[in-house]
């Protein structure tokens, strides 16, 4: 159901909840196109099955399915993973790729629990990939779930923002101000659209992203809210690494920032894993676990906060244990589920990139 409003969602009391607030469900798009995982795609669907297995213990799971072959893959992999399936629903919606954080809906709600599925424009991170099908996902999924949807005439990907649910939003200049997104919008117009649609009052701007990130610096690879006035952010301790300076600048900015009520942010740092390199021209026998030449965006920040657990990317790295411990202290009532992300991030995304929450 497409809607138009006489006033902005924010003026009507709608807001984007924080990710740790209760979910009704998580949305996933089952992978079907090997172009993001060349040479290793046959090992990718099992990752989705593992994600569904962990999520179904605490919330419903909506799976977007491209076609018959994709459905057969999903059912076979979930059976192999012993997914119970009682809370899993399949929705036949043709799609290009599986990065539903960016091409799926951003769901807002009001105090009555009424929701809108926001359908922002989507151009595949600056027209890098086909996206004609993906751009339609929010409205089509809303129709499937009998939820109202609202089109927003601005490009915005879910991975480019993070909110505390109380009025503050984190993003990056490198992404939202990139001319390949909204070249006719000023920074002030972008901020006004975000505030009007997502119910935030205070926007915090970080600078650049990390090496290997083909999204122009999504914030979900850098810094995440874990409480209303607390963020975790990745840092790099090697002064010779290209990520060292931009991450140090982001950390410096965070230490000067406040939430919507003027309270200084508590900033918790996590040391970035060592560079993860993969083969530039993978063969059928490619092994992304082994170093080669192309750097992928290895980060501990691309975790997903579900109702009962946190899906957490690890890298077979000496910093894994400390990163897990940090997240466990941030979320003492949730299980931290460490999953090796080297294969998934062969496609240049991790667990936050492939999930999108529907607030309860």
Protein backbone atom coordinates (compact mmCIF):
# COMPACT_ATOMS: atom_id res chain seq x y z
CA UNK A 1 0.00 0.00 0.00
CA UNK A 2 1.74 3.13 -1.20
CA UNK A 3 0.95 6.19 0.89
CA UNK A 4 1.50 9.91 0.70
CA UNK A 5 1.51 12.08 3.81
CA UNK A 6 0.50 15.68 4.26
CA UNK A 7 3.27 16.06 6.82
CA UNK A 8 6.64 14.39 7.37
CA UNK A 9 6.83 11.10 9.29
CA UNK A 10 8.85 12.87 11.98
CA UNK A 11 6.16 15.52 12.44
CA UNK A 12 3.64 12.70 12.82
CA UNK A 13 5.66 11.03 15.57
CA UNK A 14 7.48 8.34 13.58
CA UNK A 15 11.11 7.40 14.22
CA UNK A 16 13.65 4.77 13.28
CA UNK A 17 14.22 2.56 16.35
CA UNK A 18 17.69 1.52 17.43
CA UNK A 19 18.75 -1.91 16.26
CA UNK A 20 18.78 -3.32 19.78
CA UNK A 21 15.10 -2.46 20.31
CA UNK A 22 12.71 -5.44 19.95
CA UNK A 23 12.32 -6.86 16.45
CA UNK A 24 9.31 -8.51 14.94
CA UNK A 25 11.51 -10.03 12.27
CA UNK A 26 14.71 -9.89 10.24
CA UNK A 27 14.69 -9.67 6.44
CA UNK A 28 17.24 -11.60 4.35
CA UNK A 29 17.56 -12.00 0.58
CA UNK A 30 18.74 -15.50 -0.35
CA UNK A 31 21.84 -15.29 -2.60
CA UNK A 32 21.47 -16.39 -6.21
CA UNK A 33 23.97 -14.39 -8.31
CA UNK A 34 27.60 -15.44 -8.09
CA UNK A 35 29.02 -12.16 -9.41
CA UNK A 36 29.68 -10.92 -5.88
CA UNK A 37 31.35 -14.23 -4.93
CA UNK A 38 33.09 -15.37 -8.13
CA UNK A 39 34.57 -18.83 -7.88
CA UNK A 40 33.25 -19.54 -4.37
CA UNK A 41 29.50 -19.04 -4.70
CA UNK A 42 28.69 -22.70 -4.04
CA UNK A 43 29.83 -22.17 -0.43
CA UNK A 44 27.83 -18.97 0.15
CA UNK A 45 24.22 -20.16 0.69
CA UNK A 46 25.32 -22.18 3.73
CA UNK A 47 26.16 -18.88 5.43
CA UNK A 48 22.58 -17.71 5.00
CA UNK A 49 21.30 -20.97 6.48
CA UNK A 50 23.51 -20.46 9.54
CA UNK A 51 22.19 -16.90 9.92
CA UNK A 52 18.58 -18.11 9.74
CA UNK A 53 19.33 -20.83 12.31
CA UNK A 54 20.64 -18.28 14.80
CA UNK A 55 17.89 -15.73 14.17
CA UNK A 56 14.86 -18.02 14.36
CA UNK A 57 15.47 -18.61 18.06
CA UNK A 58 14.46 -15.03 18.80
CA UNK A 59 12.38 -13.61 15.94
CA UNK A 60 10.64 -14.27 12.65
CA UNK A 61 12.73 -14.39 9.48
CA UNK A 62 11.46 -13.15 6.11
CA UNK A 63 13.42 -14.60 3.18
CA UNK A 64 13.23 -12.83 -0.17
CA UNK A 65 13.50 -15.48 -2.89
CA UNK A 66 14.41 -14.71 -6.50
CA UNK A 67 13.09 -17.79 -8.37
CA UNK A 68 12.46 -21.55 -8.19
CA UNK A 69 16.14 -22.47 -8.17
CA UNK A 70 16.81 -20.03 -5.34
CA UNK A 71 13.95 -21.49 -3.32
CA UNK A 72 15.31 -25.01 -3.81
CA UNK A 73 18.73 -23.81 -2.63
CA UNK A 74 17.22 -22.15 0.44
CA UNK A 75 15.15 -25.16 1.45
CA UNK A 76 18.04 -27.58 0.96
CA UNK A 77 20.59 -25.49 2.87
CA UNK A 78 18.18 -24.79 5.74
CA UNK A 79 17.39 -28.48 6.02
CA UNK A 80 21.11 -29.26 6.11
CA UNK A 81 21.56 -26.66 8.87
CA UNK A 82 18.55 -28.12 10.75
CA UNK A 83 16.61 -24.87 10.67
CA UNK A 84 13.29 -25.43 12.46
CA UNK A 85 11.46 -23.19 10.01
CA UNK A 86 8.37 -22.41 12.08
CA UNK A 87 9.28 -18.72 12.10
CA UNK A 88 10.60 -18.55 8.53
CA UNK A 89 8.52 -17.14 5.67
CA UNK A 90 9.52 -17.11 2.01
CA UNK A 91 8.54 -14.26 -0.31
CA UNK A 92 8.93 -14.53 -4.08
CA UNK A 93 10.36 -11.15 -5.10
CA UNK A 94 12.80 -11.00 -8.05
CA UNK A 95 16.04 -9.26 -7.05
CA UNK A 96 19.54 -8.51 -8.26
CA UNK A 97 21.71 -9.03 -5.19
CA UNK A 98 21.48 -9.99 -1.54
CA UNK A 99 22.54 -6.80 0.26
CA UNK A 100 19.13 -6.15 1.84
CA UNK A 101 20.53 -3.67 4.37
CA UNK A 102 20.99 -1.30 1.46
CA UNK A 103 18.21 -2.18 -0.97
CA UNK A 104 15.54 -3.23 1.51
CA UNK A 105 13.10 -1.07 3.48
CA UNK A 106 14.00 1.08 6.44
CA UNK A 107 11.11 0.64 8.85
CA UNK A 108 9.91 3.46 11.08
CA UNK A 109 7.23 3.34 13.77
CA UNK A 110 5.26 5.60 16.10
CA UNK A 111 4.30 5.21 19.76
CA UNK A 112 1.19 3.24 18.79
CA UNK A 113 3.36 0.69 17.01
CA UNK A 114 2.13 1.76 13.57
CA UNK A 115 4.82 1.34 10.92
CA UNK A 116 5.88 2.61 7.52
CA UNK A 117 8.24 0.79 5.18
CA UNK A 118 10.36 3.58 3.71
CA UNK A 119 11.31 3.06 0.08
CA UNK A 120 14.37 5.24 -0.52
CA UNK A 121 15.84 5.41 -3.99
CA UNK A 122 18.60 2.87 -4.53
CA UNK A 123 21.30 3.06 -7.21
CA UNK A 124 23.69 0.24 -6.17
CA UNK A 125 26.33 2.48 -4.55
CA UNK A 126 26.60 4.89 -7.45
CA UNK A 127 25.47 2.71 -10.37
CA UNK A 128 28.16 0.08 -9.84
CA UNK A 129 25.84 -2.89 -10.36
CA UNK A 130 22.44 -3.71 -11.92
CA UNK A 131 19.69 -2.60 -9.55
CA UNK A 132 16.40 -2.34 -11.42
CA UNK A 133 14.90 -5.21 -9.40
CA UNK A 134 16.48 -4.26 -6.09
CA UNK A 135 15.08 -0.73 -6.26
CA UNK A 136 11.56 -2.18 -6.05
CA UNK A 137 12.09 -4.46 -3.03
CA UNK A 138 10.81 -2.19 -0.22
CA UNK A 139 7.43 -1.50 -1.80
CA UNK A 140 6.93 -5.10 -2.99
CA UNK A 141 7.85 -6.55 0.40
CA UNK A 142 5.56 -4.09 2.17
CA UNK A 143 2.76 -5.26 -0.11
CA UNK A 144 3.54 -8.89 0.73
CA UNK A 145 3.43 -8.12 4.46
CA UNK A 146 0.37 -5.85 4.12
CA UNK A 147 2.30 -2.90 5.51
CA UNK A 148 2.07 0.72 4.28
CA UNK A 149 5.05 1.97 2.30
CA UNK A 150 6.26 5.47 1.59
CA UNK A 151 8.55 6.48 -1.27
CA UNK A 152 11.37 8.92 -0.51
CA UNK A 153 12.93 10.83 -3.40
CA UNK A 154 16.53 10.52 -2.22
CA UNK A 155 19.18 7.80 -2.51
CA UNK A 156 19.96 6.29 0.88
CA UNK A 157 21.34 2.88 1.85
CA UNK A 158 20.71 1.38 5.25
CA UNK A 159 24.40 0.64 5.77
CA UNK A 160 25.23 4.33 5.44
CA UNK A 161 23.45 5.26 8.69
CA UNK A 162 23.20 4.10 12.29
CA UNK A 163 20.80 5.45 14.94
CA UNK A 164 20.50 5.40 18.70
CA UNK A 165 16.68 5.46 18.59
CA UNK A 166 16.59 8.64 20.68
CA UNK A 167 17.21 11.24 18.00
CA UNK A 168 20.85 10.88 16.92
CA UNK A 169 22.17 9.42 13.66
CA UNK A 170 25.71 8.57 12.56
CA UNK A 171 26.85 8.73 8.95
CA UNK A 172 29.87 9.61 6.82
CA UNK A 173 30.70 12.51 4.54
CA UNK A 174 32.46 10.19 2.12
CA UNK A 175 29.22 8.33 1.39
CA UNK A 176 26.24 10.64 1.81
CA UNK A 177 27.95 13.64 0.24
CA UNK A 178 29.36 11.60 -2.64
CA UNK A 179 28.17 13.02 -6.00
CA UNK A 180 27.32 9.49 -7.17
CA UNK A 181 24.37 9.41 -4.78
CA UNK A 182 22.42 12.70 -4.73
CA UNK A 183 24.37 15.18 -6.88
CA UNK A 184 21.59 17.78 -6.82
CA UNK A 185 21.21 17.80 -3.03
CA UNK A 186 23.13 20.05 -0.66
CA UNK A 187 24.31 18.75 2.70
CA UNK A 188 21.51 20.75 4.33
CA UNK A 189 18.89 19.15 2.06
CA UNK A 190 20.23 15.67 2.81
CA UNK A 191 20.10 16.37 6.55
CA UNK A 192 16.55 17.73 6.28
CA UNK A 193 15.34 14.64 4.40
CA UNK A 194 16.93 12.32 6.96
CA UNK A 195 15.44 14.22 9.88
CA UNK A 196 11.99 14.39 8.30
CA UNK A 197 11.86 10.71 7.38
CA UNK A 198 13.69 9.01 10.24
CA UNK A 199 12.66 11.18 13.16
CA UNK A 200 16.17 12.20 14.17
CA UNK A 201 17.21 15.64 15.43
CA UNK A 202 20.98 15.34 15.57
CA UNK A 203 23.31 14.09 12.81
CA UNK A 204 26.94 13.17 13.45
CA UNK A 205 29.28 13.19 10.47
CA UNK A 206 32.35 10.99 10.28
CA UNK A 207 34.84 11.21 7.42
CA UNK A 208 36.22 8.35 5.31
CA UNK A 209 35.66 4.61 5.26
CA UNK A 210 38.08 1.70 5.22
CA UNK A 211 40.11 0.08 2.46
CA UNK A 212 38.17 -2.34 0.28
CA UNK A 213 34.78 -0.79 1.02
CA UNK A 214 33.11 -0.28 -2.36
CA UNK A 215 30.18 1.64 -0.81
CA UNK A 216 32.12 4.92 -0.48
CA UNK A 217 32.49 4.52 3.27
CA UNK A 218 29.43 3.01 4.94
CA UNK A 219 29.30 3.78 8.64
CA UNK A 220 28.38 0.18 9.50
CA UNK A 221 32.00 -0.78 8.74
CA UNK A 222 33.28 1.94 11.07
CA UNK A 223 31.22 2.97 14.06
CA UNK A 224 28.03 1.62 15.64
CA UNK A 225 25.75 2.66 18.45
CA UNK A 226 25.53 0.00 21.17
CA UNK A 227 23.60 2.15 23.67
CA UNK A 228 21.95 5.59 23.45
CA UNK A 229 25.18 7.48 24.18
CA UNK A 230 27.76 4.76 23.53
CA UNK A 231 29.47 3.75 20.30
CA UNK A 232 32.04 1.17 19.35
CA UNK A 233 34.46 2.23 16.65
CA UNK A 234 37.32 0.48 14.90
CA UNK A 235 40.85 1.83 15.03
CA UNK A 236 44.05 0.80 13.28
CA UNK A 237 47.29 0.69 15.26
CA UNK A 238 49.66 0.43 12.29
CA UNK A 239 50.77 3.92 11.19
CA UNK A 240 51.84 2.50 7.82
CA UNK A 241 48.39 1.13 7.04
CA UNK A 242 46.16 3.28 4.77
CA UNK A 243 43.31 2.89 7.28
CA UNK A 244 45.32 4.31 10.17
CA UNK A 245 44.86 8.04 9.49
CA UNK A 246 41.16 8.08 8.50
CA UNK A 247 40.18 5.88 11.44
CA UNK A 248 42.22 8.07 13.78
CA UNK A 249 40.37 11.12 12.43
CA UNK A 250 37.00 9.44 12.93
CA UNK A 251 37.98 8.57 16.50
CA UNK A 252 39.03 12.16 17.12
CA UNK A 253 35.66 13.42 15.86
CA UNK A 254 33.74 10.95 18.01
CA UNK A 255 35.55 12.16 21.14
CA UNK A 256 34.19 15.66 20.48
CA UNK A 257 30.62 14.57 19.68
CA UNK A 258 27.49 14.54 21.83
CA UNK A 259 24.10 12.89 21.60
CA UNK A 260 20.85 14.76 20.92
CA UNK A 261 20.74 15.99 24.53
CA UNK A 262 24.31 17.27 24.63
CA UNK A 263 25.79 14.32 26.51
CA UNK A 264 29.32 13.37 25.36
CA UNK A 265 29.54 10.03 23.62
CA UNK A 266 31.23 7.12 25.36
CA UNK A 267 33.62 5.83 22.70
CA UNK A 268 34.81 2.22 22.87
CA UNK A 269 37.55 1.30 20.43
CA UNK A 270 38.14 -2.08 18.81
CA UNK A 271 41.39 -2.75 16.98
CA UNK A 272 40.80 -3.55 13.31
CA UNK A 273 41.79 -7.05 12.13
CA UNK A 274 44.91 -7.42 10.06
CA UNK A 275 44.38 -6.74 6.33
CA UNK A 276 42.50 -9.55 4.62
CA UNK A 277 43.59 -10.06 1.02
CA UNK A 278 41.94 -12.29 -1.57
CA UNK A 279 42.71 -13.37 -5.11
CA UNK A 280 42.04 -10.76 -7.76
CA UNK A 281 40.93 -13.32 -10.35
CA UNK A 282 39.48 -16.22 -8.36
CA UNK A 283 39.20 -19.62 -10.00
CA UNK A 284 36.66 -22.30 -9.22
CA UNK A 285 39.02 -23.54 -6.54
CA UNK A 286 39.52 -20.09 -5.03
CA UNK A 287 40.22 -19.91 -1.33
CA UNK A 288 39.35 -16.52 0.17
CA UNK A 289 40.90 -17.68 3.45
CA UNK A 290 44.33 -17.42 1.79
CA UNK A 291 46.04 -14.13 1.10
CA UNK A 292 46.51 -12.84 -2.43
CA UNK A 293 46.19 -9.28 -3.69
CA UNK A 294 42.77 -7.62 -3.27
CA UNK A 295 41.90 -6.13 0.12
CA UNK A 296 38.37 -6.70 1.37
CA UNK A 297 36.67 -4.53 4.06
CA UNK A 298 37.48 -6.60 7.13
CA UNK A 299 35.84 -4.97 10.13
CA UNK A 300 34.45 -5.89 13.53
CA UNK A 301 31.81 -3.14 13.22
CA UNK A 302 29.61 -4.96 10.69
CA UNK A 303 27.72 -6.96 13.32
CA UNK A 304 23.95 -7.44 13.49
CA UNK A 305 22.01 -7.00 16.75
CA UNK A 306 19.11 -9.48 16.85
CA UNK A 307 16.63 -10.11 19.66
CA UNK A 308 18.55 -12.95 21.27
CA UNK A 309 22.02 -12.71 19.76
CA UNK A 310 24.57 -10.61 17.94
CA UNK A 311 25.92 -12.00 14.67
CA UNK A 312 29.57 -11.03 14.85
CA UNK A 313 32.19 -11.19 12.07
CA UNK A 314 35.54 -12.72 13.00
CA UNK A 315 38.61 -13.21 10.83
CA UNK A 316 40.86 -15.88 12.33
CA UNK A 317 42.81 -12.91 13.64
CA UNK A 318 44.73 -12.24 16.85
CA UNK A 319 42.23 -9.46 17.68
CA UNK A 320 39.13 -11.67 17.43
CA UNK A 321 38.96 -12.64 21.11
CA UNK A 322 39.24 -9.07 22.40
CA UNK A 323 36.61 -7.88 19.93
CA UNK A 324 34.19 -10.63 21.00
CA UNK A 325 34.75 -9.76 24.65
CA UNK A 326 34.07 -6.08 23.97
CA UNK A 327 30.75 -6.83 22.27
CA UNK A 328 29.73 -9.25 25.02
CA UNK A 329 30.22 -6.51 27.59
CA UNK A 330 28.08 -4.19 25.46
CA UNK A 331 25.30 -6.79 25.16
CA UNK A 332 25.44 -8.94 28.32
CA UNK A 333 21.93 -10.35 27.74
CA UNK A 334 22.57 -11.51 24.18
CA UNK A 335 24.68 -14.37 22.87
CA UNK A 336 27.58 -13.20 20.74
CA UNK A 337 27.75 -15.51 17.72
CA UNK A 338 31.23 -15.27 16.16
CA UNK A 339 31.21 -16.45 12.54
CA UNK A 340 34.20 -16.35 10.23
CA UNK A 341 33.41 -13.64 7.66
CA UNK A 342 36.23 -14.15 5.16
CA UNK A 343 34.03 -16.00 2.68
CA UNK A 344 31.03 -13.71 3.10
CA UNK A 345 33.15 -10.58 2.81
CA UNK A 346 34.64 -11.91 -0.44
CA UNK A 347 31.47 -10.13 -1.66
CA UNK A 348 32.53 -6.93 0.20
CA UNK A 349 29.89 -7.10 2.93
CA UNK A 350 29.24 -8.90 6.20
CA UNK A 351 26.37 -9.73 8.58
CA UNK A 352 24.95 -6.24 8.91
CA UNK A 353 24.96 -5.83 5.14
CA UNK A 354 22.79 -8.92 4.56
CA UNK A 355 20.19 -8.25 7.28
CA UNK A 356 17.49 -5.64 7.88
CA UNK A 357 15.28 -5.48 10.95
CA UNK A 358 11.54 -4.95 11.20
CA UNK A 359 10.85 -3.37 14.58
CA UNK A 360 8.12 -4.89 16.70
